[in-house]
Amino acid sequence: MNNFGGIVEGKTDFAIIRNILAGYFNDPNIKLKPIQPEHFNAPAGWDRVLKCCKSQKFRQALQFNRYIIIHIDTDVSPNFGIPHHDEKGEKLTSEQLIRKVIDKFRLEIGTDFYDKYANRIIFAITVHSIECWLLPLYSSEEEKSQTDNCLRLLKQILPEFKEKDYEYYESITSKYSNREDLLKLCSENPSLKIFIEDLASRNIEISEEL
């Protein structure tokens, strides 16, 4: 059985999340088994994340993975009914937005099934894109907690930035695979901090994979 399976928007998300897991669990060999997309050339996207979580494929994945990590960027959340502002027009905090997205996934997965396996389902909800999780590594102090236009900022900071290149994303996030660096930097970004706090709350013990 795998320790972690991933349902993510695209291939570069695997690279970032895997490095974060390696750092948090202090295990450079940790794996993140692809569930969706199944491989780097398979169809990807936020809509396929949602579709996978509603499918039999998701339920079957729990037979082969101790934990399932579900990633989605909140820039697309209005597309599945979660706006960025409340009914008064006030911008939601990262915590509020993430909670609403998780509640949406709970409904889509099925509340009874979700509640039964909630201890094995981990959300990596990025506000508003996973590139925001890279800003603590490279940006100035005032930009580290940025949640808007993060990809544009990264392209300004890193002129040779290679969008959607797995090896490149793996390389530029390699510092997160060091536990000391990860724990020092993760609090700079609100949604990354929430992800790390969720991992910490579960008291996960990594088992030998068969």
N, C-alpha and C. Protein backbone atom coordinates (compact mmCIF):
# COMPACT_ATOMS: atom_id res chain seq x y z
N MET A 1 0.84 -1.20 0.00
CA MET A 1 0.00 0.00 0.00
C MET A 1 0.88 1.24 0.00
N ASN A 2 0.48 2.26 -0.80
CA ASN A 2 1.19 3.52 -0.83
C ASN A 2 0.81 4.37 0.39
N ASN A 3 1.76 5.19 0.82
CA ASN A 3 1.42 6.12 1.90
C ASN A 3 0.50 7.23 1.40
N PHE A 4 0.83 7.80 0.23
CA PHE A 4 0.06 8.94 -0.28
C PHE A 4 -0.28 8.76 -1.76
N GLY A 5 -1.54 8.99 -2.08
CA GLY A 5 -1.97 9.11 -3.46
C GLY A 5 -2.42 10.54 -3.69
N GLY A 6 -2.26 11.02 -4.93
CA GLY A 6 -2.59 12.41 -5.21
C GLY A 6 -3.61 12.59 -6.30
N ILE A 7 -4.60 13.41 -6.02
CA ILE A 7 -5.56 13.87 -7.02
C ILE A 7 -5.31 15.36 -7.16
N VAL A 8 -4.68 15.76 -8.26
CA VAL A 8 -4.21 17.14 -8.40
C VAL A 8 -4.59 17.69 -9.77
N GLU A 9 -4.40 18.98 -9.93
CA GLU A 9 -4.76 19.62 -11.20
C GLU A 9 -3.81 19.25 -12.33
N GLY A 10 -2.51 19.12 -12.05
CA GLY A 10 -1.55 18.86 -13.12
C GLY A 10 -0.23 18.35 -12.61
N LYS A 11 0.66 18.03 -13.54
CA LYS A 11 1.90 17.33 -13.19
C LYS A 11 2.83 18.15 -12.30
N THR A 12 2.89 19.46 -12.49
CA THR A 12 3.80 20.25 -11.67
C THR A 12 3.34 20.31 -10.21
N ASP A 13 2.05 20.12 -9.99
CA ASP A 13 1.54 20.09 -8.62
C ASP A 13 2.10 18.90 -7.86
N PHE A 14 2.28 17.78 -8.56
CA PHE A 14 2.89 16.61 -7.93
C PHE A 14 4.29 16.95 -7.42
N ALA A 15 5.06 17.67 -8.24
CA ALA A 15 6.44 18.00 -7.87
C ALA A 15 6.49 18.83 -6.60
N ILE A 16 5.64 19.85 -6.52
CA ILE A 16 5.64 20.73 -5.35
C ILE A 16 5.18 19.99 -4.10
N ILE A 17 4.07 19.28 -4.21
CA ILE A 17 3.51 18.61 -3.03
C ILE A 17 4.44 17.49 -2.56
N ARG A 18 5.07 16.78 -3.50
CA ARG A 18 5.98 15.71 -3.09
C ARG A 18 7.17 16.27 -2.32
N ASN A 19 7.73 17.38 -2.77
CA ASN A 19 8.84 17.99 -2.04
C ASN A 19 8.41 18.44 -0.65
N ILE A 20 7.20 18.97 -0.55
CA ILE A 20 6.69 19.39 0.76
C ILE A 20 6.53 18.18 1.68
N LEU A 21 6.00 17.09 1.16
CA LEU A 21 5.86 15.87 1.97
C LEU A 21 7.23 15.34 2.39
N ALA A 22 8.19 15.38 1.47
CA ALA A 22 9.55 14.90 1.80
C ALA A 22 10.14 15.71 2.93
N GLY A 23 9.92 17.03 2.90
CA GLY A 23 10.44 17.87 3.96
C GLY A 23 9.71 17.68 5.26
N TYR A 24 8.38 17.66 5.21
CA TYR A 24 7.62 17.55 6.44
C TYR A 24 7.92 16.24 7.17
N PHE A 25 7.98 15.15 6.42
CA PHE A 25 8.22 13.85 7.04
C PHE A 25 9.69 13.47 7.09
N ASN A 26 10.54 14.41 6.66
CA ASN A 26 11.98 14.21 6.72
C ASN A 26 12.39 12.91 6.03
N ASP A 27 11.83 12.70 4.85
CA ASP A 27 12.06 11.45 4.11
C ASP A 27 12.22 11.80 2.63
N PRO A 28 13.47 11.83 2.13
CA PRO A 28 13.69 12.23 0.74
C PRO A 28 13.14 11.24 -0.27
N ASN A 29 12.81 10.04 0.17
CA ASN A 29 12.33 9.01 -0.75
C ASN A 29 10.81 8.87 -0.76
N ILE A 30 10.14 9.76 -0.08
CA ILE A 30 8.69 9.66 -0.01
C ILE A 30 8.07 9.81 -1.41
N LYS A 31 6.98 9.10 -1.63
CA LYS A 31 6.34 9.10 -2.94
C LYS A 31 4.93 9.68 -2.84
N LEU A 32 4.47 10.20 -3.98
CA LEU A 32 3.10 10.65 -4.11
C LEU A 32 2.55 9.96 -5.36
N LYS A 33 1.79 8.90 -5.14
CA LYS A 33 1.29 8.07 -6.24
C LYS A 33 0.22 8.82 -7.03
N PRO A 34 0.40 8.98 -8.34
CA PRO A 34 -0.62 9.68 -9.14
C PRO A 34 -1.92 8.89 -9.24
N ILE A 35 -3.01 9.55 -8.93
CA ILE A 35 -4.35 8.99 -9.14
C ILE A 35 -5.04 9.76 -10.26
N GLN A 36 -5.00 11.08 -10.17
CA GLN A 36 -5.51 11.97 -11.22
C GLN A 36 -4.61 13.19 -11.27
N PRO A 37 -3.98 13.46 -12.44
CA PRO A 37 -3.91 12.60 -13.62
C PRO A 37 -3.10 11.34 -13.35
N GLU A 38 -3.40 10.28 -14.09
CA GLU A 38 -2.75 8.99 -13.86
C GLU A 38 -1.28 9.02 -14.27
N HIS A 39 -0.94 9.85 -15.24
CA HIS A 39 0.44 10.01 -15.68
C HIS A 39 0.56 11.38 -16.31
N PHE A 40 1.78 11.80 -16.62
CA PHE A 40 2.03 13.18 -17.03
C PHE A 40 1.39 13.56 -18.36
N ASN A 41 1.08 12.58 -19.19
CA ASN A 41 0.45 12.88 -20.47
C ASN A 41 -1.06 12.71 -20.44
N ALA A 42 -1.60 12.36 -19.28
CA ALA A 42 -3.04 12.15 -19.16
C ALA A 42 -3.76 13.50 -19.06
N PRO A 43 -5.04 13.55 -19.45
CA PRO A 43 -5.80 14.79 -19.32
C PRO A 43 -5.82 15.27 -17.87
N ALA A 44 -5.68 16.57 -17.68
CA ALA A 44 -5.61 17.14 -16.34
C ALA A 44 -6.50 18.37 -16.27
N GLY A 45 -6.53 19.00 -15.08
CA GLY A 45 -7.32 20.21 -14.90
C GLY A 45 -8.20 20.13 -13.67
N TRP A 46 -8.69 21.30 -13.23
CA TRP A 46 -9.49 21.35 -12.01
C TRP A 46 -10.78 20.57 -12.14
N ASP A 47 -11.38 20.58 -13.33
CA ASP A 47 -12.65 19.88 -13.52
C ASP A 47 -12.48 18.37 -13.38
N ARG A 48 -11.30 17.87 -13.77
CA ARG A 48 -11.03 16.44 -13.64
C ARG A 48 -10.75 16.05 -12.19
N VAL A 49 -10.25 16.99 -11.40
CA VAL A 49 -10.10 16.75 -9.96
C VAL A 49 -11.47 16.51 -9.34
N LEU A 50 -12.40 17.40 -9.65
CA LEU A 50 -13.75 17.28 -9.11
C LEU A 50 -14.43 16.00 -9.60
N LYS A 51 -14.28 15.72 -10.88
CA LYS A 51 -14.90 14.52 -11.45
C LYS A 51 -14.33 13.26 -10.82
N CYS A 52 -13.03 13.23 -10.61
CA CYS A 52 -12.39 12.05 -10.00
C CYS A 52 -12.92 11.81 -8.59
N CYS A 53 -13.09 12.90 -7.83
CA CYS A 53 -13.53 12.75 -6.45
C CYS A 53 -14.97 12.25 -6.34
N LYS A 54 -15.74 12.39 -7.42
CA LYS A 54 -17.11 11.89 -7.42
C LYS A 54 -17.21 10.48 -7.98
N SER A 55 -16.08 9.91 -8.40
CA SER A 55 -16.10 8.66 -9.14
C SER A 55 -15.75 7.45 -8.28
N GLN A 56 -15.98 6.30 -8.86
CA GLN A 56 -15.59 5.04 -8.23
C GLN A 56 -14.07 4.95 -8.13
N LYS A 57 -13.39 5.60 -9.03
CA LYS A 57 -11.93 5.61 -9.02
C LYS A 57 -11.38 6.13 -7.71
N PHE A 58 -12.01 7.16 -7.17
CA PHE A 58 -11.59 7.73 -5.89
C PHE A 58 -11.78 6.71 -4.77
N ARG A 59 -12.91 6.06 -4.75
CA ARG A 59 -13.19 5.08 -3.70
C ARG A 59 -12.23 3.90 -3.78
N GLN A 60 -11.92 3.48 -5.00
CA GLN A 60 -10.98 2.38 -5.17
C GLN A 60 -9.57 2.78 -4.72
N ALA A 61 -9.22 4.05 -4.92
CA ALA A 61 -7.89 4.52 -4.55
C ALA A 61 -7.63 4.38 -3.06
N LEU A 62 -8.67 4.44 -2.25
CA LEU A 62 -8.50 4.30 -0.80
C LEU A 62 -8.11 2.87 -0.41
N GLN A 63 -8.27 1.93 -1.32
CA GLN A 63 -7.85 0.56 -1.05
C GLN A 63 -6.34 0.40 -1.18
N PHE A 64 -5.71 1.33 -1.93
CA PHE A 64 -4.30 1.18 -2.25
C PHE A 64 -3.43 2.32 -1.69
N ASN A 65 -4.05 3.30 -1.06
CA ASN A 65 -3.32 4.45 -0.51
C ASN A 65 -3.82 4.73 0.90
N ARG A 66 -2.89 4.88 1.82
CA ARG A 66 -3.29 5.17 3.20
C ARG A 66 -3.94 6.54 3.30
N TYR A 67 -3.43 7.49 2.53
CA TYR A 67 -3.97 8.84 2.53
C TYR A 67 -4.11 9.32 1.09
N ILE A 68 -5.17 10.06 0.84
CA ILE A 68 -5.39 10.70 -0.46
C ILE A 68 -5.25 12.20 -0.27
N ILE A 69 -4.37 12.80 -1.05
CA ILE A 69 -4.23 14.26 -1.04
C ILE A 69 -4.97 14.82 -2.24
N ILE A 70 -5.89 15.73 -1.97
CA ILE A 70 -6.68 16.37 -3.01
C ILE A 70 -6.23 17.82 -3.14
N HIS A 71 -5.74 18.18 -4.32
CA HIS A 71 -5.28 19.54 -4.56
C HIS A 71 -6.18 20.23 -5.57
N ILE A 72 -6.49 21.48 -5.30
CA ILE A 72 -7.15 22.34 -6.29
C ILE A 72 -6.82 23.79 -5.94
N ASP A 73 -6.70 24.62 -6.99
CA ASP A 73 -6.46 26.05 -6.80
C ASP A 73 -7.78 26.79 -6.67
N THR A 74 -7.85 27.75 -5.77
CA THR A 74 -9.13 28.44 -5.56
C THR A 74 -9.40 29.52 -6.60
N ASP A 75 -8.46 29.77 -7.51
CA ASP A 75 -8.79 30.72 -8.57
C ASP A 75 -9.97 30.21 -9.41
N VAL A 76 -10.17 28.90 -9.42
CA VAL A 76 -11.27 28.32 -10.20
C VAL A 76 -12.51 28.04 -9.35
N SER A 77 -12.46 28.32 -8.06
CA SER A 77 -13.58 27.92 -7.19
C SER A 77 -14.92 28.55 -7.59
N PRO A 78 -14.97 29.77 -8.15
CA PRO A 78 -16.28 30.26 -8.61
C PRO A 78 -16.91 29.37 -9.68
N ASN A 79 -16.07 28.63 -10.41
CA ASN A 79 -16.59 27.74 -11.46
C ASN A 79 -17.37 26.57 -10.87
N PHE A 80 -17.09 26.21 -9.60
CA PHE A 80 -17.88 25.13 -9.00
C PHE A 80 -18.68 25.63 -7.79
N GLY A 81 -19.04 26.91 -7.84
CA GLY A 81 -20.02 27.44 -6.89
C GLY A 81 -19.48 28.05 -5.62
N ILE A 82 -18.16 28.29 -5.54
CA ILE A 82 -17.58 28.89 -4.33
C ILE A 82 -16.95 30.23 -4.70
N PRO A 83 -17.68 31.34 -4.51
CA PRO A 83 -17.13 32.66 -4.83
C PRO A 83 -16.06 33.08 -3.83
N HIS A 84 -15.31 34.09 -4.19
CA HIS A 84 -14.23 34.58 -3.33
C HIS A 84 -14.70 35.61 -2.31
N HIS A 85 -15.96 36.00 -2.40
CA HIS A 85 -16.51 37.01 -1.50
C HIS A 85 -17.78 36.48 -0.85
N ASP A 86 -18.09 37.01 0.32
CA ASP A 86 -19.32 36.59 0.99
C ASP A 86 -20.50 37.38 0.46
N GLU A 87 -21.68 37.13 1.04
CA GLU A 87 -22.90 37.76 0.53
C GLU A 87 -22.90 39.28 0.70
N LYS A 88 -22.02 39.80 1.57
CA LYS A 88 -21.91 41.25 1.76
C LYS A 88 -20.85 41.87 0.86
N GLY A 89 -20.20 41.02 0.06
CA GLY A 89 -19.16 41.52 -0.83
C GLY A 89 -17.79 41.58 -0.20
N GLU A 90 -17.68 41.07 1.03
CA GLU A 90 -16.39 41.06 1.71
C GLU A 90 -15.54 39.88 1.22
N LYS A 91 -14.28 40.15 0.97
CA LYS A 91 -13.37 39.09 0.52
C LYS A 91 -13.18 38.05 1.61
N LEU A 92 -13.33 36.79 1.25
CA LEU A 92 -13.14 35.71 2.22
C LEU A 92 -11.67 35.59 2.58
N THR A 93 -11.39 35.26 3.82
CA THR A 93 -10.03 34.95 4.22
C THR A 93 -9.64 33.60 3.62
N SER A 94 -8.36 33.30 3.62
CA SER A 94 -7.91 32.00 3.12
C SER A 94 -8.57 30.87 3.89
N GLU A 95 -8.67 31.03 5.20
CA GLU A 95 -9.28 30.00 6.04
C GLU A 95 -10.75 29.78 5.67
N GLN A 96 -11.48 30.87 5.48
CA GLN A 96 -12.89 30.77 5.13
C GLN A 96 -13.08 30.13 3.75
N LEU A 97 -12.27 30.55 2.80
CA LEU A 97 -12.39 30.02 1.45
C LEU A 97 -12.06 28.54 1.40
N ILE A 98 -11.00 28.14 2.07
CA ILE A 98 -10.60 26.74 2.10
C ILE A 98 -11.70 25.89 2.74
N ARG A 99 -12.27 26.37 3.81
CA ARG A 99 -13.35 25.62 4.48
C ARG A 99 -14.54 25.44 3.54
N LYS A 100 -14.89 26.47 2.79
CA LYS A 100 -16.01 26.35 1.86
C LYS A 100 -15.70 25.37 0.74
N VAL A 101 -14.48 25.37 0.25
CA VAL A 101 -14.09 24.43 -0.80
C VAL A 101 -14.14 23.00 -0.27
N ILE A 102 -13.64 22.78 0.93
CA ILE A 102 -13.69 21.44 1.52
C ILE A 102 -15.12 20.98 1.72
N ASP A 103 -15.98 21.88 2.18
CA ASP A 103 -17.39 21.54 2.35
C ASP A 103 -18.02 21.15 1.01
N LYS A 104 -17.63 21.83 -0.06
CA LYS A 104 -18.12 21.50 -1.39
C LYS A 104 -17.67 20.10 -1.80
N PHE A 105 -16.40 19.80 -1.57
CA PHE A 105 -15.89 18.47 -1.92
C PHE A 105 -16.57 17.39 -1.09
N ARG A 106 -16.85 17.69 0.16
CA ARG A 106 -17.55 16.72 1.01
C ARG A 106 -18.90 16.36 0.39
N LEU A 107 -19.61 17.35 -0.12
CA LEU A 107 -20.90 17.09 -0.76
C LEU A 107 -20.72 16.30 -2.05
N GLU A 108 -19.70 16.67 -2.83
CA GLU A 108 -19.49 16.00 -4.11
C GLU A 108 -19.05 14.54 -3.91
N ILE A 109 -18.22 14.31 -2.92
CA ILE A 109 -17.77 12.94 -2.62
C ILE A 109 -18.93 12.11 -2.07
N GLY A 110 -19.79 12.76 -1.31
CA GLY A 110 -20.88 12.07 -0.62
C GLY A 110 -20.61 12.14 0.87
N THR A 111 -21.51 12.79 1.61
CA THR A 111 -21.22 13.09 3.01
C THR A 111 -20.97 11.85 3.85
N ASP A 112 -21.76 10.80 3.65
CA ASP A 112 -21.58 9.59 4.45
C ASP A 112 -20.23 8.96 4.18
N PHE A 113 -19.88 8.84 2.90
CA PHE A 113 -18.60 8.23 2.54
C PHE A 113 -17.44 9.10 3.01
N TYR A 114 -17.56 10.42 2.80
CA TYR A 114 -16.50 11.32 3.22
C TYR A 114 -16.28 11.24 4.73
N ASP A 115 -17.34 11.30 5.49
CA ASP A 115 -17.21 11.28 6.95
C ASP A 115 -16.58 9.99 7.44
N LYS A 116 -16.83 8.90 6.74
CA LYS A 116 -16.26 7.61 7.12
C LYS A 116 -14.74 7.59 6.92
N TYR A 117 -14.28 8.27 5.87
CA TYR A 117 -12.86 8.22 5.51
C TYR A 117 -12.16 9.57 5.66
N ALA A 118 -12.75 10.51 6.36
CA ALA A 118 -12.19 11.86 6.46
C ALA A 118 -10.78 11.87 7.04
N ASN A 119 -10.49 10.92 7.93
CA ASN A 119 -9.17 10.87 8.54
C ASN A 119 -8.09 10.46 7.54
N ARG A 120 -8.50 10.01 6.35
CA ARG A 120 -7.54 9.59 5.33
C ARG A 120 -7.56 10.51 4.11
N ILE A 121 -8.34 11.57 4.16
CA ILE A 121 -8.44 12.51 3.05
C ILE A 121 -7.83 13.83 3.48
N ILE A 122 -6.81 14.27 2.76
CA ILE A 122 -6.08 15.48 3.11
C ILE A 122 -6.21 16.48 1.97
N PHE A 123 -6.62 17.69 2.28
CA PHE A 123 -6.78 18.70 1.25
C PHE A 123 -5.57 19.63 1.19
N ALA A 124 -5.08 19.82 -0.03
CA ALA A 124 -4.04 20.81 -0.30
C ALA A 124 -4.69 21.89 -1.16
N ILE A 125 -5.43 22.77 -0.52
CA ILE A 125 -6.17 23.82 -1.22
C ILE A 125 -5.28 25.06 -1.29
N THR A 126 -4.95 25.47 -2.50
CA THR A 126 -4.04 26.60 -2.66
C THR A 126 -4.82 27.86 -3.03
N VAL A 127 -4.56 28.93 -2.28
CA VAL A 127 -5.21 30.23 -2.48
C VAL A 127 -4.16 31.19 -3.06
N HIS A 128 -4.36 31.62 -4.32
CA HIS A 128 -5.35 31.17 -5.29
C HIS A 128 -4.72 30.24 -6.32
N SER A 129 -3.42 30.04 -6.25
CA SER A 129 -2.75 29.09 -7.14
C SER A 129 -1.57 28.48 -6.40
N ILE A 130 -1.15 27.31 -6.87
CA ILE A 130 -0.06 26.63 -6.16
C ILE A 130 1.26 27.40 -6.31
N GLU A 131 1.36 28.26 -7.31
CA GLU A 131 2.56 29.09 -7.44
C GLU A 131 2.72 30.04 -6.26
N CYS A 132 1.60 30.34 -5.57
CA CYS A 132 1.70 31.17 -4.37
C CYS A 132 2.52 30.50 -3.29
N TRP A 133 2.54 29.16 -3.31
CA TRP A 133 3.33 28.42 -2.33
C TRP A 133 4.83 28.54 -2.60
N LEU A 134 5.20 29.03 -3.76
CA LEU A 134 6.61 29.21 -4.10
C LEU A 134 7.15 30.57 -3.68
N LEU A 135 6.25 31.51 -3.42
CA LEU A 135 6.69 32.87 -3.11
C LEU A 135 7.54 32.96 -1.84
N PRO A 136 7.25 32.19 -0.77
CA PRO A 136 8.14 32.26 0.40
C PRO A 136 9.59 31.88 0.08
N LEU A 137 9.79 31.12 -1.00
CA LEU A 137 11.14 30.70 -1.38
C LEU A 137 11.92 31.81 -2.09
N TYR A 138 11.21 32.68 -2.82
CA TYR A 138 11.90 33.57 -3.75
C TYR A 138 11.53 35.04 -3.66
N SER A 139 10.42 35.40 -3.06
CA SER A 139 9.96 36.78 -3.14
C SER A 139 10.42 37.61 -1.96
N SER A 140 10.19 38.91 -2.07
CA SER A 140 10.50 39.82 -0.97
C SER A 140 9.48 39.62 0.15
N GLU A 141 9.77 40.18 1.30
CA GLU A 141 8.94 39.96 2.49
C GLU A 141 7.48 40.34 2.26
N GLU A 142 7.24 41.47 1.60
CA GLU A 142 5.87 41.93 1.44
C GLU A 142 5.08 41.07 0.44
N GLU A 143 5.77 40.24 -0.34
CA GLU A 143 5.08 39.42 -1.35
C GLU A 143 4.94 37.97 -0.94
N LYS A 144 5.57 37.56 0.14
CA LYS A 144 5.58 36.14 0.51
C LYS A 144 4.19 35.58 0.79
N SER A 145 3.29 36.42 1.29
CA SER A 145 1.94 35.96 1.62
C SER A 145 0.93 36.29 0.53
N GLN A 146 1.41 36.72 -0.63
CA GLN A 146 0.54 37.11 -1.74
C GLN A 146 -0.34 35.94 -2.17
N THR A 147 -1.58 36.22 -2.54
CA THR A 147 -2.47 35.16 -3.02
C THR A 147 -3.00 35.47 -4.42
N ASP A 148 -2.67 36.60 -4.98
CA ASP A 148 -3.12 36.98 -6.32
C ASP A 148 -1.93 37.16 -7.25
N ASN A 149 -2.12 36.77 -8.50
CA ASN A 149 -1.10 36.99 -9.55
C ASN A 149 0.26 36.40 -9.20
N CYS A 150 0.24 35.25 -8.54
CA CYS A 150 1.50 34.65 -8.07
C CYS A 150 2.38 34.18 -9.22
N LEU A 151 1.77 33.62 -10.26
CA LEU A 151 2.55 33.17 -11.41
C LEU A 151 3.24 34.35 -12.08
N ARG A 152 2.54 35.46 -12.22
CA ARG A 152 3.14 36.65 -12.81
C ARG A 152 4.31 37.14 -11.97
N LEU A 153 4.15 37.14 -10.65
CA LEU A 153 5.23 37.56 -9.77
C LEU A 153 6.45 36.66 -9.92
N LEU A 154 6.21 35.35 -9.97
CA LEU A 154 7.33 34.41 -10.11
C LEU A 154 8.08 34.63 -11.41
N LYS A 155 7.35 34.90 -12.47
CA LYS A 155 8.00 35.12 -13.75
C LYS A 155 8.84 36.39 -13.74
N GLN A 156 8.47 37.35 -12.90
CA GLN A 156 9.27 38.56 -12.75
C GLN A 156 10.52 38.28 -11.92
N ILE A 157 10.36 37.45 -10.90
CA ILE A 157 11.48 37.15 -10.00
C ILE A 157 12.46 36.18 -10.66
N LEU A 158 11.91 35.20 -11.38
CA LEU A 158 12.73 34.17 -12.03
C LEU A 158 12.56 34.32 -13.54
N PRO A 159 13.42 35.08 -14.18
CA PRO A 159 13.26 35.37 -15.61
C PRO A 159 13.25 34.13 -16.50
N GLU A 160 13.88 33.06 -16.07
CA GLU A 160 13.92 31.83 -16.88
C GLU A 160 12.83 30.85 -16.46
N PHE A 161 11.80 31.35 -15.84
CA PHE A 161 10.73 30.49 -15.31
C PHE A 161 10.13 29.61 -16.41
N LYS A 162 9.99 28.31 -16.08
CA LYS A 162 9.48 27.33 -17.04
C LYS A 162 8.13 26.81 -16.54
N GLU A 163 7.09 27.40 -17.09
CA GLU A 163 5.74 27.03 -16.68
C GLU A 163 5.40 25.61 -17.14
N LYS A 164 4.76 24.83 -16.23
CA LYS A 164 4.29 23.48 -16.51
C LYS A 164 5.42 22.49 -16.82
N ASP A 165 6.62 22.76 -16.33
CA ASP A 165 7.76 21.86 -16.52
C ASP A 165 8.03 21.13 -15.20
N TYR A 166 7.76 19.83 -15.16
CA TYR A 166 7.84 19.07 -13.91
C TYR A 166 9.22 19.17 -13.28
N GLU A 167 10.26 18.89 -14.06
CA GLU A 167 11.62 18.88 -13.51
C GLU A 167 12.01 20.26 -12.97
N TYR A 168 11.56 21.30 -13.66
CA TYR A 168 11.87 22.65 -13.21
C TYR A 168 11.18 22.95 -11.88
N TYR A 169 9.90 22.62 -11.79
CA TYR A 169 9.17 22.84 -10.54
C TYR A 169 9.77 22.02 -9.40
N GLU A 170 10.20 20.81 -9.71
CA GLU A 170 10.83 19.98 -8.70
C GLU A 170 12.11 20.63 -8.20
N SER A 171 12.86 21.22 -9.12
CA SER A 171 14.13 21.86 -8.77
C SER A 171 13.92 23.12 -7.94
N ILE A 172 13.00 23.99 -8.36
CA ILE A 172 12.87 25.27 -7.66
C ILE A 172 12.15 25.14 -6.32
N THR A 173 11.53 23.98 -6.06
CA THR A 173 10.91 23.77 -4.75
C THR A 173 11.69 22.77 -3.89
N SER A 174 12.90 22.43 -4.33
CA SER A 174 13.68 21.41 -3.61
C SER A 174 14.01 21.83 -2.19
N LYS A 175 14.06 23.13 -1.92
CA LYS A 175 14.36 23.60 -0.57
C LYS A 175 13.29 23.16 0.42
N TYR A 176 12.06 22.98 -0.06
CA TYR A 176 10.99 22.51 0.81
C TYR A 176 11.20 21.07 1.25
N SER A 177 12.06 20.33 0.56
CA SER A 177 12.31 18.94 0.97
C SER A 177 13.22 18.86 2.20
N ASN A 178 13.71 20.02 2.64
CA ASN A 178 14.46 20.11 3.89
C ASN A 178 13.48 20.54 4.99
N ARG A 179 13.30 19.71 5.99
CA ARG A 179 12.29 19.97 7.02
C ARG A 179 12.48 21.31 7.71
N GLU A 180 13.72 21.65 8.05
CA GLU A 180 13.97 22.91 8.75
C GLU A 180 13.55 24.10 7.90
N ASP A 181 13.90 24.06 6.63
CA ASP A 181 13.53 25.16 5.73
C ASP A 181 12.02 25.24 5.54
N LEU A 182 11.38 24.08 5.36
CA LEU A 182 9.93 24.05 5.16
C LEU A 182 9.20 24.66 6.35
N LEU A 183 9.55 24.22 7.54
CA LEU A 183 8.83 24.69 8.72
C LEU A 183 9.11 26.17 9.00
N LYS A 184 10.25 26.66 8.56
CA LYS A 184 10.57 28.07 8.73
C LYS A 184 9.79 28.94 7.74
N LEU A 185 9.57 28.42 6.54
CA LEU A 185 8.98 29.22 5.48
C LEU A 185 7.47 29.07 5.34
N CYS A 186 6.93 27.93 5.76
CA CYS A 186 5.52 27.64 5.44
C CYS A 186 4.55 28.65 6.04
N SER A 187 4.89 29.24 7.17
CA SER A 187 3.97 30.18 7.81
C SER A 187 3.85 31.49 7.04
N GLU A 188 4.74 31.70 6.05
CA GLU A 188 4.70 32.94 5.27
C GLU A 188 3.50 32.99 4.33
N ASN A 189 3.00 31.80 3.94
CA ASN A 189 1.86 31.76 3.03
C ASN A 189 0.67 31.13 3.72
N PRO A 190 -0.48 31.80 3.74
CA PRO A 190 -1.60 31.32 4.56
C PRO A 190 -2.11 29.94 4.19
N SER A 191 -2.27 29.62 2.91
CA SER A 191 -2.82 28.31 2.57
C SER A 191 -1.78 27.20 2.72
N LEU A 192 -0.50 27.50 2.52
CA LEU A 192 0.54 26.51 2.77
C LEU A 192 0.61 26.21 4.27
N LYS A 193 0.49 27.23 5.08
CA LYS A 193 0.49 27.05 6.54
C LYS A 193 -0.66 26.14 6.97
N ILE A 194 -1.84 26.33 6.36
CA ILE A 194 -3.00 25.50 6.70
C ILE A 194 -2.74 24.04 6.31
N PHE A 195 -2.13 23.81 5.17
CA PHE A 195 -1.81 22.45 4.74
C PHE A 195 -0.85 21.77 5.72
N ILE A 196 0.19 22.48 6.11
CA ILE A 196 1.16 21.91 7.05
C ILE A 196 0.52 21.65 8.41
N GLU A 197 -0.32 22.56 8.87
CA GLU A 197 -1.01 22.37 10.14
C GLU A 197 -1.93 21.15 10.09
N ASP A 198 -2.56 20.92 8.94
CA ASP A 198 -3.42 19.75 8.79
C ASP A 198 -2.59 18.48 8.88
N LEU A 199 -1.44 18.45 8.21
CA LEU A 199 -0.56 17.28 8.30
C LEU A 199 -0.16 17.05 9.76
N ALA A 200 0.17 18.12 10.45
CA ALA A 200 0.62 17.99 11.85
C ALA A 200 -0.48 17.45 12.75
N SER A 201 -1.73 17.82 12.47
CA SER A 201 -2.84 17.43 13.33
C SER A 201 -3.17 15.94 13.25
N ARG A 202 -2.67 15.27 12.22
CA ARG A 202 -3.05 13.89 11.96
C ARG A 202 -2.10 12.86 12.58
N ASN A 203 -0.95 13.31 13.03
CA ASN A 203 0.02 12.39 13.64
C ASN A 203 0.30 11.18 12.74
N ILE A 204 0.60 11.48 11.48
CA ILE A 204 0.81 10.42 10.49
C ILE A 204 2.18 9.77 10.71
N GLU A 205 2.19 8.45 10.66
CA GLU A 205 3.43 7.68 10.69
C GLU A 205 3.63 7.04 9.33
N ILE A 206 4.78 7.32 8.72
CA ILE A 206 5.06 6.78 7.41
C ILE A 206 5.43 5.31 7.52
N SER A 207 4.74 4.49 6.73
CA SER A 207 4.97 3.04 6.73
C SER A 207 5.78 2.64 5.52
N GLU A 208 6.42 1.49 5.60
CA GLU A 208 7.15 0.98 4.46
C GLU A 208 6.16 0.60 3.36
N GLU A 209 6.44 1.10 2.16
CA GLU A 209 5.53 0.81 1.05
C GLU A 209 5.87 -0.53 0.41
N LEU A 210 4.82 -1.26 0.07
CA LEU A 210 5.00 -2.60 -0.52
C LEU A 210 4.97 -2.52 -2.03
